[in-house]
C-alpha cells in the first residue's frame, strides 16, 4: 500500500478498516479479522482511543481499560499476584524481555511509574 511508503500509519490503519469491511461483505471473515486486528494495533500505537475501540469492536474483541491488550492485562494480573518477571515469562512461555516490554507498555498506557516492579 502507498500509505506504508509515505510513513502514514494512521491512514494505513483507516484503509485496513475499509478493506476489512469490504472483505466481510465478500464473505472473507478471516481476511476481515486480520485487517481489523492490524488496524487496532496501529491505532493503539498512535493513541487513537476511539478508533482502537472501533477496530476492536469490528474484530469482535473486548476493549480493555486504558487501551491495554489482553496480554498486558494477563501480565499485570500475574504481577499483582506477586509473581516475578521470570516466573511470568516461564508461565506464559515468553522471554523475560517480552514480559518487561508488556509491563512498560502497560505502565505507559496507565500513566504509572515502574519503579516498584
C-alpha atoms as a PDB file:
ATOM      1  CA  UNK A   1       0.000   0.000   0.000  1.00  0.00           C
ATOM      2  CA  UNK A   2       1.127   3.509  -0.799  1.00  0.00           C
ATOM      3  CA  UNK A   3       0.413   4.689   2.770  1.00  0.00           C
ATOM      4  CA  UNK A   4       3.218   2.489   4.079  1.00  0.00           C
ATOM      5  CA  UNK A   5       5.771   4.187   1.812  1.00  0.00           C
ATOM      6  CA  UNK A   6       4.565   7.585   2.986  1.00  0.00           C
ATOM      7  CA  UNK A   7       5.009   6.625   6.648  1.00  0.00           C
ATOM      8  CA  UNK A   8       1.312   7.258   7.182  1.00  0.00           C
ATOM      9  CA  UNK A   9       0.473   4.518   9.674  1.00  0.00           C
ATOM     10  CA  UNK A  10      -2.795   6.061  10.811  1.00  0.00           C
ATOM     11  CA  UNK A  11      -4.053   6.364   7.240  1.00  0.00           C
ATOM     12  CA  UNK A  12      -2.944   2.797   6.545  1.00  0.00           C
ATOM     13  CA  UNK A  13      -4.981   1.652   9.552  1.00  0.00           C
ATOM     14  CA  UNK A  14      -8.047   3.546   8.272  1.00  0.00           C
ATOM     15  CA  UNK A  15      -7.557   1.810   4.923  1.00  0.00           C
ATOM     16  CA  UNK A  16      -7.387  -1.543   6.693  1.00  0.00           C
ATOM     17  CA  UNK A  17     -10.761  -0.857   8.328  1.00  0.00           C
ATOM     18  CA  UNK A  18     -12.280  -0.153   4.906  1.00  0.00           C
ATOM     19  CA  UNK A  19     -10.628  -3.239   3.420  1.00  0.00           C
ATOM     20  CA  UNK A  20     -11.874  -5.321   6.339  1.00  0.00           C
ATOM     21  CA  UNK A  21     -15.421  -4.096   5.804  1.00  0.00           C
ATOM     22  CA  UNK A  22     -15.198  -4.949   2.092  1.00  0.00           C
ATOM     23  CA  UNK A  23     -13.843  -8.408   2.868  1.00  0.00           C
ATOM     24  CA  UNK A  24     -16.698  -9.002   5.318  1.00  0.00           C
ATOM     25  CA  UNK A  25     -19.220  -8.134   2.627  1.00  0.00           C
ATOM     26  CA  UNK A  26     -17.499 -10.628   0.323  1.00  0.00           C
ATOM     27  CA  UNK A  27     -17.711 -13.323   2.998  1.00  0.00           C
ATOM     28  CA  UNK A  28     -13.972 -13.382   3.795  1.00  0.00           C
ATOM     29  CA  UNK A  29     -14.309 -13.154   7.572  1.00  0.00           C
ATOM     30  CA  UNK A  30     -10.754 -14.357   8.221  1.00  0.00           C
ATOM     31  CA  UNK A  31      -9.286 -11.670   5.959  1.00  0.00           C
ATOM     32  CA  UNK A  32     -11.515  -9.035   7.526  1.00  0.00           C
ATOM     33  CA  UNK A  33     -10.443 -10.064  11.013  1.00  0.00           C
ATOM     34  CA  UNK A  34      -6.746  -9.800  10.105  1.00  0.00           C
ATOM     35  CA  UNK A  35      -7.268  -6.276   8.793  1.00  0.00           C
ATOM     36  CA  UNK A  36      -9.316  -5.175  11.806  1.00  0.00           C
ATOM     37  CA  UNK A  37      -6.687  -6.522  14.211  1.00  0.00           C
ATOM     38  CA  UNK A  38      -3.881  -4.853  12.277  1.00  0.00           C
ATOM     39  CA  UNK A  39      -5.786  -1.561  12.316  1.00  0.00           C
ATOM     40  CA  UNK A  40      -6.429  -1.898  16.038  1.00  0.00           C
ATOM     41  CA  UNK A  41      -2.721  -2.359  16.765  1.00  0.00           C
ATOM     42  CA  UNK A  42      -1.807   0.682  14.671  1.00  0.00           C
ATOM     43  CA  UNK A  43      -4.481   2.867  16.255  1.00  0.00           C
ATOM     44  CA  UNK A  44      -3.379   1.731  19.693  1.00  0.00           C
ATOM     45  CA  UNK A  45       0.214   2.685  18.892  1.00  0.00           C
ATOM     46  CA  UNK A  46      -0.961   6.175  17.931  1.00  0.00           C
ATOM     47  CA  UNK A  47      -3.167   6.557  20.990  1.00  0.00           C
ATOM     48  CA  UNK A  48      -6.306   6.817  18.841  1.00  0.00           C
ATOM     49  CA  UNK A  49      -8.652   5.542  21.548  1.00  0.00           C
ATOM     50  CA  UNK A  50     -11.928   5.832  19.636  1.00  0.00           C
ATOM     51  CA  UNK A  51     -10.501   4.214  16.509  1.00  0.00           C
ATOM     52  CA  UNK A  52      -8.888   1.479  18.618  1.00  0.00           C
ATOM     53  CA  UNK A  53     -12.248   0.703  20.216  1.00  0.00           C
ATOM     54  CA  UNK A  54     -13.978   0.713  16.807  1.00  0.00           C
ATOM     55  CA  UNK A  55     -11.428  -1.688  15.319  1.00  0.00           C
ATOM     56  CA  UNK A  56     -11.665  -3.926  18.390  1.00  0.00           C
ATOM     57  CA  UNK A  57     -15.448  -3.966  18.101  1.00  0.00           C
ATOM     58  CA  UNK A  58     -15.261  -4.870  14.411  1.00  0.00           C
ATOM     59  CA  UNK A  59     -12.836  -7.694  15.295  1.00  0.00           C
ATOM     60  CA  UNK A  60     -15.260  -8.939  17.958  1.00  0.00           C
ATOM     61  CA  UNK A  61     -12.749  -8.225  20.698  1.00  0.00           C
ATOM     62  CA  UNK A  62     -13.414  -6.576  24.002  1.00  0.00           C
ATOM     63  CA  UNK A  63     -11.893  -3.179  24.556  1.00  0.00           C
ATOM     64  CA  UNK A  64      -9.950  -3.265  27.786  1.00  0.00           C
ATOM     65  CA  UNK A  65      -9.475  -0.347  30.179  1.00  0.00           C
ATOM     66  CA  UNK A  66      -6.717   2.102  29.399  1.00  0.00           C
ATOM     67  CA  UNK A  67      -6.225   0.652  25.937  1.00  0.00           C
ATOM     68  CA  UNK A  68      -4.495  -2.389  27.413  1.00  0.00           C
ATOM     69  CA  UNK A  69      -4.179  -5.556  25.373  1.00  0.00           C
ATOM     70  CA  UNK A  70      -5.363  -8.885  26.721  1.00  0.00           C
ATOM     71  CA  UNK A  71      -1.747  -9.999  27.129  1.00  0.00           C
ATOM     72  CA  UNK A  72      -0.854  -6.828  29.062  1.00  0.00           C
ATOM     73  CA  UNK A  73      -3.767  -7.446  31.422  1.00  0.00           C
ATOM     74  CA  UNK A  74      -2.663 -11.055  31.855  1.00  0.00           C
ATOM     75  CA  UNK A  75       0.885  -9.961  32.749  1.00  0.00           C
ATOM     76  CA  UNK A  76      -0.400  -7.284  35.150  1.00  0.00           C
ATOM     77  CA  UNK A  77      -2.619  -9.828  36.924  1.00  0.00           C
ATOM     78  CA  UNK A  78       0.362 -12.094  37.478  1.00  0.00           C
ATOM     79  CA  UNK A  79       2.467  -9.193  38.797  1.00  0.00           C
ATOM     80  CA  UNK A  80      -0.388  -8.292  41.139  1.00  0.00           C
ATOM     81  CA  UNK A  81      -0.399 -11.910  42.333  1.00  0.00           C
ATOM     82  CA  UNK A  82       3.241 -11.474  43.347  1.00  0.00           C
ATOM     83  CA  UNK A  83       4.993 -13.309  40.520  1.00  0.00           C
ATOM     84  CA  UNK A  84       8.384 -12.143  39.250  1.00  0.00           C
ATOM     85  CA  UNK A  85       9.117 -11.338  35.616  1.00  0.00           C
ATOM     86  CA  UNK A  86      10.988 -14.633  35.300  1.00  0.00           C
ATOM     87  CA  UNK A  87       8.059 -16.606  36.734  1.00  0.00           C
ATOM     88  CA  UNK A  88       5.627 -14.826  34.423  1.00  0.00           C
ATOM     89  CA  UNK A  89       7.871 -15.477  31.416  1.00  0.00           C
ATOM     90  CA  UNK A  90       8.010 -19.167  32.277  1.00  0.00           C
ATOM     91  CA  UNK A  91       4.271 -19.440  32.867  1.00  0.00           C
ATOM     92  CA  UNK A  92       3.304 -17.624  29.644  1.00  0.00           C
ATOM     93  CA  UNK A  93       6.140 -19.065  27.546  1.00  0.00           C
ATOM     94  CA  UNK A  94       7.631 -15.637  26.881  1.00  0.00           C
ATOM     95  CA  UNK A  95      11.077 -14.158  27.313  1.00  0.00           C
ATOM     96  CA  UNK A  96      11.752 -12.021  30.365  1.00  0.00           C
ATOM     97  CA  UNK A  97      12.416  -9.146  27.956  1.00  0.00           C
ATOM     98  CA  UNK A  98       8.939  -9.541  26.433  1.00  0.00           C
ATOM     99  CA  UNK A  99       7.340  -9.548  29.881  1.00  0.00           C
ATOM    100  CA  UNK A 100       9.271  -6.383  30.746  1.00  0.00           C
ATOM    101  CA  UNK A 101       8.072  -4.785  27.494  1.00  0.00           C
ATOM    102  CA  UNK A 102       4.446  -5.663  28.275  1.00  0.00           C
ATOM    103  CA  UNK A 103       4.845  -4.099  31.710  1.00  0.00           C
ATOM    104  CA  UNK A 104       6.474  -0.991  30.292  1.00  0.00           C
ATOM    105  CA  UNK A 105       3.684  -0.583  27.728  1.00  0.00           C
ATOM    106  CA  UNK A 106       1.047  -1.097  30.426  1.00  0.00           C
ATOM    107  CA  UNK A 107       2.610   1.450  32.762  1.00  0.00           C
ATOM    108  CA  UNK A 108       2.821   3.991  29.941  1.00  0.00           C
ATOM    109  CA  UNK A 109      -0.822   3.443  28.975  1.00  0.00           C
ATOM    110  CA  UNK A 110      -1.932   3.695  32.599  1.00  0.00           C
ATOM    111  CA  UNK A 111       0.419   6.638  33.295  1.00  0.00           C
ATOM    112  CA  UNK A 112       2.071   4.972  36.304  1.00  0.00           C
ATOM    113  CA  UNK A 113       5.732   4.515  37.210  1.00  0.00           C
ATOM    114  CA  UNK A 114       7.513   1.189  37.093  1.00  0.00           C
ATOM    115  CA  UNK A 115       9.980   1.678  39.924  1.00  0.00           C
ATOM    116  CA  UNK A 116       8.144  -0.790  42.208  1.00  0.00           C
ATOM    117  CA  UNK A 117       8.281  -3.799  39.840  1.00  0.00           C
END
